[in-house]
Amino acid sequence: MYHQTQYLTVRNNVFYFNRRVPLELQSKLNKRRIIISLNTKSLTKAQKLSYTISDRLERYWDNLRLDLFHTKHIGKIIFAEKNTNEKITLSMSLNNYLNLKSFGKNDLFKTSATRNISYAIQCFQDIDINKLEIKDGGVFRDYLFKKKLSSSSIKRIFSSVKSIINFNIKEYGIDIHNPFSGTYIPDDNKTKIRLPIPIENIRSIMATKVS
């Protein structure tokens, strides 16, 4: 099943179960993640353990949700405010993304993500993503154009950075708009247009082969 590898990370060749606690239960459990060493280097064994742990957690969380449901209807529930003050920088966002998304990917995936987020760090420094504003998408675009990058390269960078920020927004329940989403990037016409081979050259090549 998909989640058998989705919740696995590797440290020093040892597999760990790593799963985010549902947002509505984080205040009740006083933690955001469940991280458990599986004490194995075997992917097959780690997948089986991951499935077992995940299944037990789902049942446990369902019971907690049921308790919250009953408590709510007798008027005793207290809603915990989202922790919007937690600082999550661009470099932290990259680490969070790679820790869960790089499993099973090649080195190019990590290299590309690291390079693309480095452009954002150069532009904004290692800013807390909670402080990013919608206008910063345009600021980042203009910064990349000033570096003489082509529009096609800029579009690839934006796509990567947008994915990294989106991942962290969902993981931490951050109530912000992704500033790298929907930014207009004009074409710069740097893509070279390949002209057709002149008919005279084709005839000359064909004549040479025949002779």
Protein backbone atom coordinates (compact mmCIF):
# COMPACT_ATOMS: atom_id res chain seq x y z
CA MET A 1 0.00 0.00 0.00
CA TYR A 2 1.09 3.60 -0.66
CA HIS A 3 1.41 4.67 2.98
CA GLN A 4 3.79 1.80 3.67
CA THR A 5 6.58 3.90 2.16
CA GLN A 6 4.97 7.31 2.60
CA TYR A 7 5.66 7.26 6.36
CA LEU A 8 9.22 5.91 6.15
CA THR A 9 12.44 7.90 6.47
CA VAL A 10 16.04 6.71 6.68
CA ARG A 11 18.77 7.76 9.09
CA ASN A 12 22.16 6.07 9.00
CA ASN A 13 20.62 3.30 6.87
CA VAL A 14 18.02 2.56 9.57
CA PHE A 15 14.32 3.01 8.80
CA TYR A 16 12.08 5.24 10.93
CA PHE A 17 8.32 5.55 11.03
CA ASN A 18 7.53 9.26 10.65
CA ARG A 19 3.94 10.48 10.52
CA ARG A 20 2.30 13.81 11.26
CA VAL A 21 -0.34 13.90 13.97
CA PRO A 22 -3.68 15.16 12.56
CA LEU A 23 -3.98 18.88 13.21
CA GLU A 24 -7.12 18.58 15.33
CA LEU A 25 -5.36 16.14 17.70
CA GLN A 26 -1.98 17.86 18.07
CA SER A 27 -2.97 19.93 21.09
CA LYS A 28 -4.47 16.88 22.82
CA LEU A 29 -1.35 14.77 22.28
CA ASN A 30 1.03 17.70 22.75
CA LYS A 31 3.06 16.73 19.70
CA ARG A 32 3.00 17.24 15.95
CA ARG A 33 4.75 14.07 14.84
CA ILE A 34 5.11 10.42 15.71
CA ILE A 35 8.70 9.31 15.03
CA ILE A 36 9.71 5.74 15.90
CA SER A 37 12.91 3.86 15.08
CA LEU A 38 12.00 0.56 13.41
CA ASN A 39 15.47 -0.86 14.14
CA THR A 40 15.80 -2.42 10.73
CA LYS A 41 17.65 -1.78 7.49
CA SER A 42 15.26 -3.98 5.51
CA LEU A 43 12.74 -2.11 3.36
CA THR A 44 10.36 -5.07 3.31
CA LYS A 45 10.34 -5.39 7.09
CA ALA A 46 10.06 -1.62 7.52
CA GLN A 47 7.02 -1.52 5.22
CA LYS A 48 5.26 -4.23 7.25
CA LEU A 49 6.01 -2.46 10.54
CA SER A 50 4.89 0.85 9.05
CA TYR A 51 1.57 -0.67 8.03
CA THR A 52 1.01 -2.15 11.51
CA ILE A 53 1.89 1.05 13.38
CA SER A 54 -0.14 3.22 11.03
CA ASP A 55 -3.19 0.96 11.41
CA ARG A 56 -2.98 1.11 15.22
CA LEU A 57 -2.55 4.88 15.16
CA GLU A 58 -5.62 5.29 12.94
CA ARG A 59 -7.74 3.33 15.43
CA TYR A 60 -6.31 5.26 18.36
CA TRP A 61 -6.93 8.61 16.64
CA ASP A 62 -10.48 7.57 15.76
CA ASN A 63 -11.15 6.99 19.46
CA LEU A 64 -9.72 10.40 20.33
CA ARG A 65 -11.90 12.04 17.67
CA LEU A 66 -14.93 10.28 19.11
CA ASP A 67 -14.10 11.63 22.56
CA LEU A 68 -13.76 15.13 21.15
CA PHE A 69 -17.07 14.76 19.34
CA HIS A 70 -18.94 13.80 22.52
CA THR A 71 -17.18 16.49 24.54
CA LYS A 72 -18.10 19.11 21.96
CA HIS A 73 -21.80 18.27 22.16
CA ILE A 74 -21.92 18.61 25.92
CA GLY A 75 -20.26 22.01 25.66
CA LYS A 76 -16.88 21.28 27.23
CA ILE A 77 -14.54 21.33 24.23
CA ILE A 78 -11.82 23.93 24.11
CA PHE A 79 -10.39 24.57 20.66
CA ALA A 80 -6.63 25.01 20.62
CA GLU A 81 -5.42 27.90 18.50
CA LYS A 82 -3.11 27.08 15.63
CA ASN A 83 0.51 27.68 16.45
CA THR A 84 1.07 30.37 13.86
CA ASN A 85 4.06 31.75 15.78
CA GLU A 86 6.25 28.74 15.04
CA LYS A 87 9.14 29.83 12.86
CA ILE A 88 9.63 27.79 9.70
CA THR A 89 12.38 29.20 7.51
CA LEU A 90 13.02 28.47 3.86
CA SER A 91 15.90 26.15 4.74
CA MET A 92 13.72 24.34 7.32
CA SER A 93 11.01 24.02 4.68
CA LEU A 94 13.49 22.35 2.35
CA ASN A 95 14.61 19.91 5.06
CA ASN A 96 11.01 19.05 5.94
CA TYR A 97 10.25 18.47 2.26
CA LEU A 98 13.28 16.28 1.58
CA ASN A 99 12.89 14.23 4.76
CA LEU A 100 9.52 12.92 3.59
CA LYS A 101 9.57 13.39 -0.17
CA SER A 102 13.05 12.21 -1.18
CA PHE A 103 12.48 8.58 -0.18
CA GLY A 104 13.02 6.43 -3.28
CA LYS A 105 14.03 9.41 -5.42
CA ASN A 106 17.39 9.83 -7.17
CA ASP A 107 20.08 12.37 -6.24
CA LEU A 108 18.83 14.77 -8.92
CA PHE A 109 15.59 15.30 -6.97
CA LYS A 110 17.48 16.49 -3.87
CA THR A 111 20.01 18.52 -5.86
CA SER A 112 17.32 20.28 -7.86
CA ALA A 113 15.17 21.12 -4.83
CA THR A 114 18.21 22.39 -2.89
CA ARG A 115 19.38 24.55 -5.78
CA ASN A 116 15.94 26.04 -6.39
CA ILE A 117 15.26 26.93 -2.76
CA SER A 118 18.75 28.47 -2.58
CA TYR A 119 17.61 31.06 -5.13
CA ALA A 120 14.76 32.02 -2.80
CA ILE A 121 17.18 32.25 0.15
CA GLN A 122 19.47 34.51 -1.91
CA CYS A 123 16.51 36.74 -2.71
CA PHE A 124 14.78 36.88 0.71
CA GLN A 125 17.52 35.51 3.01
CA ASP A 126 16.40 32.57 5.17
CA ILE A 127 13.01 34.14 5.87
CA ASP A 128 10.24 32.63 7.97
CA ILE A 129 7.65 31.49 5.40
CA ASN A 130 4.90 32.90 7.63
CA LYS A 131 6.24 36.36 6.72
CA LEU A 132 6.10 35.87 2.95
CA GLU A 133 3.51 38.03 1.17
CA ILE A 134 1.69 37.65 -2.14
CA LYS A 135 3.80 40.41 -3.73
CA ASP A 136 6.95 38.39 -3.01
CA GLY A 137 6.17 36.13 -5.95
CA GLY A 138 6.76 39.07 -8.29
CA VAL A 139 9.86 40.09 -6.33
CA PHE A 140 11.31 36.61 -6.76
CA ARG A 141 10.47 36.53 -10.48
CA ASP A 142 12.20 39.87 -11.09
CA TYR A 143 15.21 38.73 -9.08
CA LEU A 144 15.62 35.63 -11.25
CA PHE A 145 15.27 37.64 -14.47
CA LYS A 146 18.03 39.98 -13.22
CA LYS A 147 20.25 36.90 -12.90
CA LYS A 148 19.79 36.48 -16.68
CA LEU A 149 17.89 33.20 -16.32
CA SER A 150 15.52 32.22 -19.12
CA SER A 151 11.78 32.22 -18.54
CA SER A 152 11.68 28.43 -18.95
CA SER A 153 14.28 28.04 -16.18
CA ILE A 154 12.39 30.48 -13.96
CA LYS A 155 9.16 28.54 -14.46
CA ARG A 156 10.91 25.32 -13.37
CA ILE A 157 12.34 27.05 -10.28
CA PHE A 158 8.93 28.47 -9.36
CA SER A 159 7.30 25.06 -9.75
CA SER A 160 9.84 23.49 -7.38
CA VAL A 161 9.74 26.26 -4.75
CA LYS A 162 5.93 26.34 -4.90
CA SER A 163 5.79 22.59 -4.19
CA ILE A 164 8.14 22.91 -1.21
CA ILE A 165 6.14 25.77 0.33
CA ASN A 166 2.81 24.02 -0.35
CA PHE A 167 4.09 20.91 1.41
CA ASN A 168 4.95 22.88 4.56
CA ILE A 169 1.70 24.85 4.48
CA LYS A 170 -0.24 21.57 4.57
CA GLU A 171 2.08 19.83 7.05
CA TYR A 172 1.92 22.60 9.62
CA GLY A 173 -1.56 23.91 8.93
CA ILE A 174 -0.22 27.38 8.12
CA ASP A 175 -2.92 29.85 7.14
CA ILE A 176 -1.10 31.71 4.34
CA HIS A 177 -1.40 32.01 0.59
CA ASN A 178 1.56 30.53 -1.28
CA PRO A 179 3.20 33.62 -2.86
CA PHE A 180 4.88 31.47 -5.51
CA SER A 181 1.54 30.23 -6.83
CA GLY A 182 0.01 31.99 -9.82
CA THR A 183 2.87 34.44 -10.43
CA TYR A 184 2.92 35.61 -14.03
CA ILE A 185 6.19 34.76 -15.82
CA PRO A 186 6.42 36.25 -19.34
CA ASP A 187 8.20 34.43 -22.13
CA ASP A 188 11.54 35.98 -22.98
CA ASN A 189 11.90 34.45 -26.48
CA LYS A 190 15.29 33.04 -25.57
CA THR A 191 14.33 29.62 -26.85
CA LYS A 192 16.12 29.11 -30.11
CA ILE A 193 13.90 28.38 -33.09
CA ARG A 194 15.35 25.62 -35.25
CA LEU A 195 15.07 26.54 -38.90
CA PRO A 196 14.42 23.80 -41.45
CA ILE A 197 17.35 22.52 -43.49
CA PRO A 198 17.44 24.37 -46.86
CA ILE A 199 16.12 22.25 -49.70
CA GLU A 200 19.34 22.87 -51.65
CA ASN A 201 21.37 21.19 -48.89
CA ILE A 202 19.02 18.20 -48.82
CA ARG A 203 19.33 17.77 -52.61
CA SER A 204 23.10 18.06 -52.38
CA ILE A 205 23.28 15.36 -49.68
CA MET A 206 20.98 13.04 -51.62
CA ALA A 207 22.99 13.56 -54.84
CA THR A 208 26.21 12.74 -53.01
CA LYS A 209 24.76 9.48 -51.64
CA VAL A 210 23.50 8.42 -55.08
CA SER A 211 26.85 9.06 -56.75
